[in-house]
Amino acid sequence: DMGGLLKGVLEKFSLQAQNANVKLTLQTGDLPVIIGDGDRLAQVFTNLVDNALKYTPSGGSVAIHAGVDQSSMLVSVSDSGPGIPPEDRQRIFERFYQVDKSRRGGAGRGVGLGLAIASQIIQAHQGQIWVASQVGSGSIFYVRLPLPPREDAVHPLHQSRP
């Protein structure tokens, strides 16, 4: 239940966002149930929202949007942070890579595994993850996940013969 999963992520971070004076919003339509590991997918969106909140200054905003098309669900996490330089965008999903080199090794700092793990989880779900970012204008992380086959869809091997 992606709607419930995303609401849970929003609730988990609502106090942190409030304390940081960052507006945190969730916008979803009626989302279908997808097939996947709920704990691992929660890990992905927890990581994306946590990163967005860390990099968004006071007075900024973080927004989660989710919707569906014919064959997939698209979830985005956008922030009004500093953005990611073009030379770093290619590498942010690599293990141990950090855009902000000053963050390495300090107390409470990550080691650059969150986005690499998120990427592996999404790939294991036959999905895609990518980022769009403009320095000075924030970032948007996108996750596309396949929808289960529709119940009314007829598989070619199960068609009735004349």
N, C-alpha and C. Protein backbone atom coordinates (compact mmCIF):
# COMPACT_ATOMS: atom_id res chain seq x y z
N ASP A 1 0.85 -1.18 0.00
CA ASP A 1 0.00 0.00 0.00
C ASP A 1 0.89 1.24 0.00
N MET A 2 1.22 1.75 -1.19
CA MET A 2 2.14 2.87 -1.29
C MET A 2 1.57 4.14 -0.65
N GLY A 3 0.26 4.32 -0.72
CA GLY A 3 -0.33 5.48 -0.07
C GLY A 3 -0.06 5.46 1.42
N GLY A 4 -0.29 4.32 2.05
CA GLY A 4 -0.03 4.17 3.47
C GLY A 4 1.45 4.27 3.81
N LEU A 5 2.27 3.68 2.95
CA LEU A 5 3.72 3.72 3.17
C LEU A 5 4.22 5.17 3.15
N LEU A 6 3.79 5.94 2.16
CA LEU A 6 4.24 7.33 2.04
C LEU A 6 3.69 8.19 3.18
N LYS A 7 2.46 7.93 3.61
CA LYS A 7 1.91 8.66 4.77
C LYS A 7 2.73 8.36 6.02
N GLY A 8 3.16 7.10 6.17
CA GLY A 8 4.00 6.73 7.30
C GLY A 8 5.33 7.46 7.29
N VAL A 9 5.93 7.60 6.11
CA VAL A 9 7.20 8.33 5.98
C VAL A 9 6.97 9.80 6.35
N LEU A 10 5.89 10.39 5.87
CA LEU A 10 5.57 11.78 6.19
C LEU A 10 5.42 11.96 7.69
N GLU A 11 4.68 11.07 8.34
CA GLU A 11 4.48 11.15 9.79
C GLU A 11 5.80 11.01 10.54
N LYS A 12 6.66 10.11 10.07
CA LYS A 12 7.95 9.89 10.73
C LYS A 12 8.79 11.17 10.76
N PHE A 13 8.70 11.98 9.72
CA PHE A 13 9.55 13.16 9.60
C PHE A 13 8.83 14.48 9.90
N SER A 14 7.56 14.44 10.26
CA SER A 14 6.81 15.69 10.44
C SER A 14 7.39 16.55 11.58
N LEU A 15 7.77 15.95 12.69
CA LEU A 15 8.34 16.71 13.80
C LEU A 15 9.70 17.28 13.42
N GLN A 16 10.54 16.47 12.76
CA GLN A 16 11.85 16.95 12.32
C GLN A 16 11.69 18.13 11.37
N ALA A 17 10.75 18.04 10.45
CA ALA A 17 10.51 19.14 9.51
C ALA A 17 10.02 20.38 10.24
N GLN A 18 9.12 20.20 11.18
CA GLN A 18 8.59 21.32 11.95
C GLN A 18 9.71 22.01 12.72
N ASN A 19 10.56 21.22 13.38
CA ASN A 19 11.67 21.78 14.14
C ASN A 19 12.67 22.51 13.25
N ALA A 20 12.82 22.08 12.01
CA ALA A 20 13.74 22.71 11.06
C ALA A 20 13.08 23.85 10.29
N ASN A 21 11.80 24.12 10.58
CA ASN A 21 11.02 25.14 9.86
C ASN A 21 11.00 24.86 8.35
N VAL A 22 10.75 23.58 8.01
CA VAL A 22 10.64 23.16 6.61
C VAL A 22 9.23 22.61 6.41
N LYS A 23 8.58 23.09 5.38
CA LYS A 23 7.23 22.61 5.06
C LYS A 23 7.35 21.25 4.38
N LEU A 24 6.71 20.22 4.95
CA LEU A 24 6.75 18.86 4.41
C LEU A 24 5.34 18.48 3.99
N THR A 25 5.17 18.16 2.70
CA THR A 25 3.84 17.85 2.19
C THR A 25 3.84 16.53 1.42
N LEU A 26 2.65 15.95 1.34
CA LEU A 26 2.43 14.71 0.59
C LEU A 26 1.21 14.92 -0.29
N GLN A 27 1.36 14.60 -1.57
CA GLN A 27 0.26 14.71 -2.51
C GLN A 27 0.16 13.41 -3.29
N THR A 28 -0.92 12.67 -3.10
CA THR A 28 -1.14 11.44 -3.83
C THR A 28 -2.59 11.38 -4.27
N GLY A 29 -2.80 10.69 -5.33
CA GLY A 29 -4.16 10.37 -5.72
C GLY A 29 -4.51 9.03 -5.11
N ASP A 30 -5.44 8.35 -5.72
CA ASP A 30 -5.81 7.01 -5.28
C ASP A 30 -4.77 6.05 -5.86
N LEU A 31 -3.90 5.54 -5.02
CA LEU A 31 -2.80 4.70 -5.49
C LEU A 31 -3.16 3.22 -5.36
N PRO A 32 -2.87 2.45 -6.40
CA PRO A 32 -3.11 1.01 -6.31
C PRO A 32 -2.05 0.33 -5.45
N VAL A 33 -2.33 -0.86 -5.01
CA VAL A 33 -1.35 -1.65 -4.28
C VAL A 33 -0.34 -2.17 -5.30
N ILE A 34 0.94 -2.16 -4.92
CA ILE A 34 1.95 -2.72 -5.81
C ILE A 34 2.56 -3.94 -5.14
N ILE A 35 3.27 -4.72 -5.92
CA ILE A 35 3.94 -5.91 -5.40
C ILE A 35 5.37 -5.52 -5.05
N GLY A 36 5.76 -5.72 -3.79
CA GLY A 36 7.10 -5.36 -3.39
C GLY A 36 7.32 -5.58 -1.92
N ASP A 37 8.54 -5.35 -1.50
CA ASP A 37 8.94 -5.47 -0.10
C ASP A 37 8.71 -4.13 0.58
N GLY A 38 7.66 -4.05 1.38
CA GLY A 38 7.28 -2.80 2.02
C GLY A 38 8.37 -2.20 2.89
N ASP A 39 9.10 -3.04 3.62
CA ASP A 39 10.17 -2.53 4.47
C ASP A 39 11.29 -1.91 3.66
N ARG A 40 11.67 -2.56 2.56
CA ARG A 40 12.75 -2.02 1.74
C ARG A 40 12.30 -0.75 1.01
N LEU A 41 11.06 -0.73 0.53
CA LEU A 41 10.57 0.48 -0.14
C LEU A 41 10.46 1.63 0.86
N ALA A 42 10.05 1.34 2.08
CA ALA A 42 10.02 2.38 3.12
C ALA A 42 11.42 2.91 3.36
N GLN A 43 12.42 2.04 3.32
CA GLN A 43 13.82 2.45 3.49
C GLN A 43 14.22 3.44 2.39
N VAL A 44 13.80 3.19 1.16
CA VAL A 44 14.12 4.09 0.05
C VAL A 44 13.54 5.48 0.30
N PHE A 45 12.24 5.54 0.60
CA PHE A 45 11.60 6.85 0.74
C PHE A 45 12.00 7.55 2.03
N THR A 46 12.33 6.78 3.06
CA THR A 46 12.87 7.36 4.29
C THR A 46 14.19 8.04 3.98
N ASN A 47 15.05 7.37 3.22
CA ASN A 47 16.34 7.94 2.85
C ASN A 47 16.17 9.21 2.03
N LEU A 48 15.28 9.18 1.05
CA LEU A 48 15.10 10.34 0.17
C LEU A 48 14.56 11.54 0.95
N VAL A 49 13.58 11.31 1.83
CA VAL A 49 13.01 12.42 2.61
C VAL A 49 14.03 12.92 3.63
N ASP A 50 14.75 12.00 4.28
CA ASP A 50 15.77 12.40 5.25
C ASP A 50 16.83 13.28 4.58
N ASN A 51 17.32 12.87 3.41
CA ASN A 51 18.30 13.68 2.68
C ASN A 51 17.72 15.04 2.32
N ALA A 52 16.48 15.05 1.82
CA ALA A 52 15.86 16.31 1.42
C ALA A 52 15.76 17.27 2.61
N LEU A 53 15.39 16.76 3.77
CA LEU A 53 15.28 17.61 4.95
C LEU A 53 16.66 18.11 5.40
N LYS A 54 17.68 17.27 5.30
CA LYS A 54 19.03 17.67 5.71
C LYS A 54 19.56 18.82 4.86
N TYR A 55 19.20 18.83 3.59
CA TYR A 55 19.76 19.82 2.68
C TYR A 55 18.84 21.02 2.42
N THR A 56 17.65 21.03 3.01
CA THR A 56 16.73 22.14 2.80
C THR A 56 16.86 23.15 3.93
N PRO A 57 17.12 24.40 3.60
CA PRO A 57 17.27 25.41 4.65
C PRO A 57 15.94 25.76 5.31
N SER A 58 16.04 26.38 6.48
CA SER A 58 14.85 26.85 7.19
C SER A 58 14.01 27.74 6.27
N GLY A 59 12.72 27.54 6.32
CA GLY A 59 11.81 28.29 5.45
C GLY A 59 11.58 27.62 4.11
N GLY A 60 12.28 26.52 3.85
CA GLY A 60 12.16 25.80 2.58
C GLY A 60 11.04 24.77 2.62
N SER A 61 11.02 23.93 1.59
CA SER A 61 9.96 22.92 1.51
C SER A 61 10.48 21.62 0.92
N VAL A 62 9.84 20.54 1.36
CA VAL A 62 10.06 19.20 0.83
C VAL A 62 8.69 18.65 0.49
N ALA A 63 8.55 18.13 -0.72
CA ALA A 63 7.25 17.62 -1.16
C ALA A 63 7.40 16.21 -1.73
N ILE A 64 6.45 15.36 -1.36
CA ILE A 64 6.36 14.01 -1.91
C ILE A 64 5.12 13.99 -2.79
N HIS A 65 5.28 13.55 -4.03
CA HIS A 65 4.15 13.40 -4.95
C HIS A 65 4.14 11.97 -5.47
N ALA A 66 2.96 11.42 -5.65
CA ALA A 66 2.85 10.08 -6.22
C ALA A 66 1.64 10.02 -7.13
N GLY A 67 1.81 9.31 -8.24
CA GLY A 67 0.73 9.12 -9.20
C GLY A 67 1.00 7.90 -10.05
N VAL A 68 0.04 7.55 -10.89
CA VAL A 68 0.19 6.37 -11.73
C VAL A 68 -0.15 6.71 -13.18
N ASP A 69 0.44 5.90 -14.08
CA ASP A 69 0.05 5.93 -15.48
C ASP A 69 -0.39 4.51 -15.83
N GLN A 70 -0.37 4.14 -17.07
CA GLN A 70 -0.88 2.83 -17.48
C GLN A 70 -0.13 1.65 -16.86
N SER A 71 1.18 1.77 -16.70
CA SER A 71 1.95 0.61 -16.27
C SER A 71 2.87 0.83 -15.08
N SER A 72 2.87 2.05 -14.52
CA SER A 72 3.81 2.29 -13.43
C SER A 72 3.31 3.37 -12.47
N MET A 73 3.97 3.38 -11.33
CA MET A 73 3.74 4.42 -10.33
C MET A 73 4.99 5.28 -10.30
N LEU A 74 4.78 6.59 -10.27
CA LEU A 74 5.90 7.52 -10.20
C LEU A 74 5.79 8.29 -8.89
N VAL A 75 6.85 8.22 -8.08
CA VAL A 75 6.91 8.94 -6.82
C VAL A 75 8.08 9.91 -6.93
N SER A 76 7.87 11.15 -6.52
CA SER A 76 8.96 12.12 -6.51
C SER A 76 9.10 12.73 -5.12
N VAL A 77 10.34 13.03 -4.78
CA VAL A 77 10.65 13.74 -3.54
C VAL A 77 11.45 14.97 -3.96
N SER A 78 10.86 16.14 -3.78
CA SER A 78 11.52 17.37 -4.20
C SER A 78 11.86 18.22 -2.99
N ASP A 79 12.92 19.01 -3.13
CA ASP A 79 13.32 19.90 -2.05
C ASP A 79 13.71 21.26 -2.62
N SER A 80 13.79 22.22 -1.73
CA SER A 80 14.22 23.56 -2.14
C SER A 80 15.62 23.85 -1.60
N GLY A 81 16.44 22.82 -1.58
CA GLY A 81 17.83 22.94 -1.10
C GLY A 81 18.74 23.54 -2.14
N PRO A 82 20.05 23.37 -1.95
CA PRO A 82 21.05 24.01 -2.82
C PRO A 82 21.20 23.37 -4.20
N GLY A 83 20.61 22.20 -4.40
CA GLY A 83 20.79 21.51 -5.67
C GLY A 83 22.09 20.72 -5.70
N ILE A 84 22.26 19.94 -6.74
CA ILE A 84 23.43 19.07 -6.88
C ILE A 84 24.18 19.51 -8.13
N PRO A 85 25.49 19.81 -8.00
CA PRO A 85 26.27 20.22 -9.16
C PRO A 85 26.26 19.14 -10.24
N PRO A 86 26.29 19.54 -11.52
CA PRO A 86 26.25 18.58 -12.63
C PRO A 86 27.31 17.49 -12.54
N GLU A 87 28.52 17.84 -12.10
CA GLU A 87 29.60 16.85 -12.04
C GLU A 87 29.35 15.79 -10.97
N ASP A 88 28.48 16.07 -10.02
CA ASP A 88 28.18 15.10 -8.96
C ASP A 88 26.94 14.25 -9.26
N ARG A 89 26.04 14.77 -10.09
CA ARG A 89 24.78 14.05 -10.37
C ARG A 89 25.01 12.66 -10.93
N GLN A 90 26.05 12.48 -11.72
CA GLN A 90 26.33 11.18 -12.33
C GLN A 90 26.75 10.14 -11.31
N ARG A 91 27.26 10.61 -10.15
CA ARG A 91 27.90 9.68 -9.21
C ARG A 91 27.15 9.49 -7.90
N ILE A 92 26.08 10.22 -7.67
CA ILE A 92 25.45 10.18 -6.34
C ILE A 92 24.87 8.82 -5.96
N PHE A 93 24.64 7.95 -6.93
CA PHE A 93 24.11 6.62 -6.61
C PHE A 93 25.23 5.59 -6.42
N GLU A 94 26.50 6.04 -6.46
CA GLU A 94 27.64 5.15 -6.22
C GLU A 94 27.86 5.00 -4.71
N ARG A 95 28.31 3.83 -4.31
CA ARG A 95 28.63 3.60 -2.89
C ARG A 95 29.74 4.55 -2.44
N PHE A 96 29.54 5.10 -1.26
CA PHE A 96 30.50 5.97 -0.56
C PHE A 96 30.69 7.34 -1.20
N TYR A 97 29.95 7.66 -2.25
CA TYR A 97 30.12 8.97 -2.87
C TYR A 97 29.30 10.00 -2.09
N GLN A 98 29.91 11.16 -1.82
CA GLN A 98 29.22 12.24 -1.13
C GLN A 98 29.46 13.54 -1.89
N VAL A 99 28.38 14.27 -2.11
CA VAL A 99 28.49 15.56 -2.79
C VAL A 99 29.20 16.54 -1.88
N ASP A 100 28.77 16.59 -0.61
CA ASP A 100 29.34 17.52 0.36
C ASP A 100 30.49 16.82 1.07
N LYS A 101 31.71 17.06 0.62
CA LYS A 101 32.88 16.38 1.19
C LYS A 101 33.09 16.71 2.66
N SER A 102 32.57 17.85 3.12
CA SER A 102 32.75 18.22 4.52
C SER A 102 31.90 17.36 5.45
N ARG A 103 30.96 16.60 4.92
CA ARG A 103 30.07 15.78 5.74
C ARG A 103 30.72 14.47 6.14
N ARG A 104 31.75 14.04 5.46
CA ARG A 104 32.36 12.74 5.70
C ARG A 104 32.91 12.62 7.12
N GLY A 105 32.51 11.55 7.80
CA GLY A 105 33.15 11.16 9.05
C GLY A 105 32.70 11.88 10.30
N GLY A 106 31.90 12.93 10.22
CA GLY A 106 31.49 13.64 11.42
C GLY A 106 30.40 12.89 12.16
N ALA A 107 30.15 13.31 13.38
CA ALA A 107 29.10 12.67 14.18
C ALA A 107 27.75 12.83 13.49
N GLY A 108 27.03 11.73 13.38
CA GLY A 108 25.71 11.77 12.75
C GLY A 108 25.76 11.88 11.25
N ARG A 109 26.91 11.78 10.66
CA ARG A 109 27.04 11.89 9.21
C ARG A 109 26.98 10.51 8.58
N GLY A 110 26.46 10.47 7.39
CA GLY A 110 26.44 9.21 6.66
C GLY A 110 27.78 8.95 5.99
N VAL A 111 27.87 7.78 5.40
CA VAL A 111 29.10 7.44 4.69
C VAL A 111 28.86 7.31 3.19
N GLY A 112 27.73 7.81 2.71
CA GLY A 112 27.48 7.78 1.28
C GLY A 112 26.90 6.47 0.77
N LEU A 113 26.17 5.76 1.61
CA LEU A 113 25.58 4.49 1.17
C LEU A 113 24.08 4.59 0.90
N GLY A 114 23.41 5.59 1.44
CA GLY A 114 21.95 5.67 1.35
C GLY A 114 21.40 5.61 -0.06
N LEU A 115 21.91 6.44 -0.96
CA LEU A 115 21.40 6.46 -2.33
C LEU A 115 21.81 5.21 -3.10
N ALA A 116 22.99 4.67 -2.81
CA ALA A 116 23.42 3.43 -3.47
C ALA A 116 22.50 2.28 -3.07
N ILE A 117 22.17 2.21 -1.79
CA ILE A 117 21.25 1.16 -1.32
C ILE A 117 19.86 1.38 -1.91
N ALA A 118 19.39 2.62 -1.92
CA ALA A 118 18.08 2.93 -2.51
C ALA A 118 18.03 2.48 -3.97
N SER A 119 19.09 2.75 -4.70
CA SER A 119 19.15 2.36 -6.11
C SER A 119 19.06 0.84 -6.26
N GLN A 120 19.78 0.11 -5.42
CA GLN A 120 19.75 -1.36 -5.48
C GLN A 120 18.36 -1.89 -5.16
N ILE A 121 17.70 -1.31 -4.17
CA ILE A 121 16.34 -1.74 -3.79
C ILE A 121 15.38 -1.50 -4.94
N ILE A 122 15.45 -0.33 -5.55
CA ILE A 122 14.54 -0.01 -6.65
C ILE A 122 14.81 -0.92 -7.85
N GLN A 123 16.07 -1.19 -8.15
CA GLN A 123 16.39 -2.12 -9.24
C GLN A 123 15.87 -3.51 -8.96
N ALA A 124 15.93 -3.95 -7.70
CA ALA A 124 15.41 -5.27 -7.33
C ALA A 124 13.90 -5.35 -7.51
N HIS A 125 13.23 -4.20 -7.52
CA HIS A 125 11.78 -4.13 -7.77
C HIS A 125 11.47 -3.85 -9.24
N GLN A 126 12.46 -4.01 -10.12
CA GLN A 126 12.34 -3.73 -11.54
C GLN A 126 11.92 -2.29 -11.81
N GLY A 127 12.39 -1.39 -10.96
CA GLY A 127 12.06 0.02 -11.11
C GLY A 127 13.26 0.84 -11.51
N GLN A 128 13.08 2.15 -11.48
CA GLN A 128 14.14 3.10 -11.85
C GLN A 128 14.17 4.22 -10.82
N ILE A 129 15.35 4.76 -10.57
CA ILE A 129 15.51 5.92 -9.71
C ILE A 129 16.48 6.88 -10.40
N TRP A 130 16.16 8.17 -10.37
CA TRP A 130 17.03 9.16 -10.98
C TRP A 130 16.77 10.52 -10.33
N VAL A 131 17.62 11.48 -10.64
CA VAL A 131 17.51 12.80 -10.05
C VAL A 131 17.54 13.87 -11.14
N ALA A 132 16.80 14.93 -10.89
CA ALA A 132 16.87 16.15 -11.68
C ALA A 132 17.21 17.25 -10.68
N SER A 133 18.19 18.07 -11.00
CA SER A 133 18.62 19.08 -10.04
C SER A 133 19.20 20.27 -10.74
N GLN A 134 18.99 21.41 -10.13
CA GLN A 134 19.54 22.66 -10.63
C GLN A 134 20.21 23.35 -9.45
N VAL A 135 21.49 23.65 -9.57
CA VAL A 135 22.19 24.32 -8.47
C VAL A 135 21.46 25.62 -8.14
N GLY A 136 21.15 25.81 -6.88
CA GLY A 136 20.43 26.98 -6.41
C GLY A 136 18.92 26.84 -6.42
N SER A 137 18.42 25.73 -7.00
CA SER A 137 16.96 25.57 -7.11
C SER A 137 16.45 24.26 -6.55
N GLY A 138 17.28 23.47 -5.91
CA GLY A 138 16.82 22.23 -5.30
C GLY A 138 16.94 21.03 -6.22
N SER A 139 16.43 19.92 -5.72
CA SER A 139 16.52 18.64 -6.43
C SER A 139 15.18 17.92 -6.39
N ILE A 140 14.98 17.06 -7.37
CA ILE A 140 13.82 16.17 -7.39
C ILE A 140 14.33 14.77 -7.67
N PHE A 141 14.09 13.87 -6.73
CA PHE A 141 14.42 12.46 -6.91
C PHE A 141 13.15 11.75 -7.36
N TYR A 142 13.26 10.98 -8.43
CA TYR A 142 12.13 10.25 -9.00
C TYR A 142 12.33 8.74 -8.81
N VAL A 143 11.26 8.06 -8.49
CA VAL A 143 11.26 6.60 -8.40
C VAL A 143 10.07 6.11 -9.22
N ARG A 144 10.36 5.26 -10.20
CA ARG A 144 9.30 4.64 -11.01
C ARG A 144 9.27 3.15 -10.67
N LEU A 145 8.08 2.67 -10.30
CA LEU A 145 7.88 1.26 -9.95
C LEU A 145 6.80 0.66 -10.83
N PRO A 146 6.99 -0.57 -11.29
CA PRO A 146 5.97 -1.18 -12.14
C PRO A 146 4.71 -1.52 -11.35
N LEU A 147 3.58 -1.38 -12.01
CA LEU A 147 2.31 -1.81 -11.42
C LEU A 147 2.12 -3.29 -11.70
N PRO A 148 1.40 -3.98 -10.82
CA PRO A 148 1.12 -5.39 -11.12
C PRO A 148 0.23 -5.48 -12.35
N PRO A 149 0.26 -6.62 -13.05
CA PRO A 149 -0.63 -6.76 -14.21
C PRO A 149 -2.08 -6.57 -13.79
N ARG A 150 -2.85 -5.94 -14.65
CA ARG A 150 -4.27 -5.74 -14.36
C ARG A 150 -4.97 -7.08 -14.36
N GLU A 151 -5.95 -7.22 -13.47
CA GLU A 151 -6.69 -8.48 -13.37
C GLU A 151 -7.49 -8.76 -14.63
N ASP A 152 -7.91 -7.69 -15.32
CA ASP A 152 -8.73 -7.90 -16.52
C ASP A 152 -7.87 -8.11 -17.77
N ALA A 153 -6.54 -7.99 -17.62
CA ALA A 153 -5.66 -8.23 -18.77
C ALA A 153 -5.55 -9.74 -19.01
N VAL A 154 -5.65 -10.12 -20.25
CA VAL A 154 -5.57 -11.54 -20.60
C VAL A 154 -4.16 -11.84 -21.07
N HIS A 155 -3.53 -12.79 -20.42
CA HIS A 155 -2.19 -13.22 -20.82
C HIS A 155 -2.32 -13.99 -22.12
N PRO A 156 -1.41 -13.78 -23.10
CA PRO A 156 -1.52 -14.45 -24.40
C PRO A 156 -1.59 -15.99 -24.29
N LEU A 157 -0.98 -16.57 -23.31
CA LEU A 157 -0.99 -18.03 -23.18
C LEU A 157 -2.30 -18.55 -22.59
N HIS A 158 -3.08 -17.63 -22.02
CA HIS A 158 -4.33 -18.05 -21.39
C HIS A 158 -5.57 -17.63 -22.18
N GLN A 159 -5.38 -17.17 -23.40
CA GLN A 159 -6.52 -16.80 -24.22
C GLN A 159 -7.29 -18.06 -24.60
N SER A 160 -8.59 -17.90 -24.66
CA SER A 160 -9.39 -19.07 -25.07
C SER A 160 -9.23 -19.28 -26.56
N ARG A 161 -9.25 -20.51 -26.96
CA ARG A 161 -9.09 -20.84 -28.39
C ARG A 161 -10.46 -20.94 -29.03
N PRO A 162 -10.57 -20.54 -30.28
CA PRO A 162 -11.89 -20.61 -30.97
C PRO A 162 -12.27 -22.05 -31.28
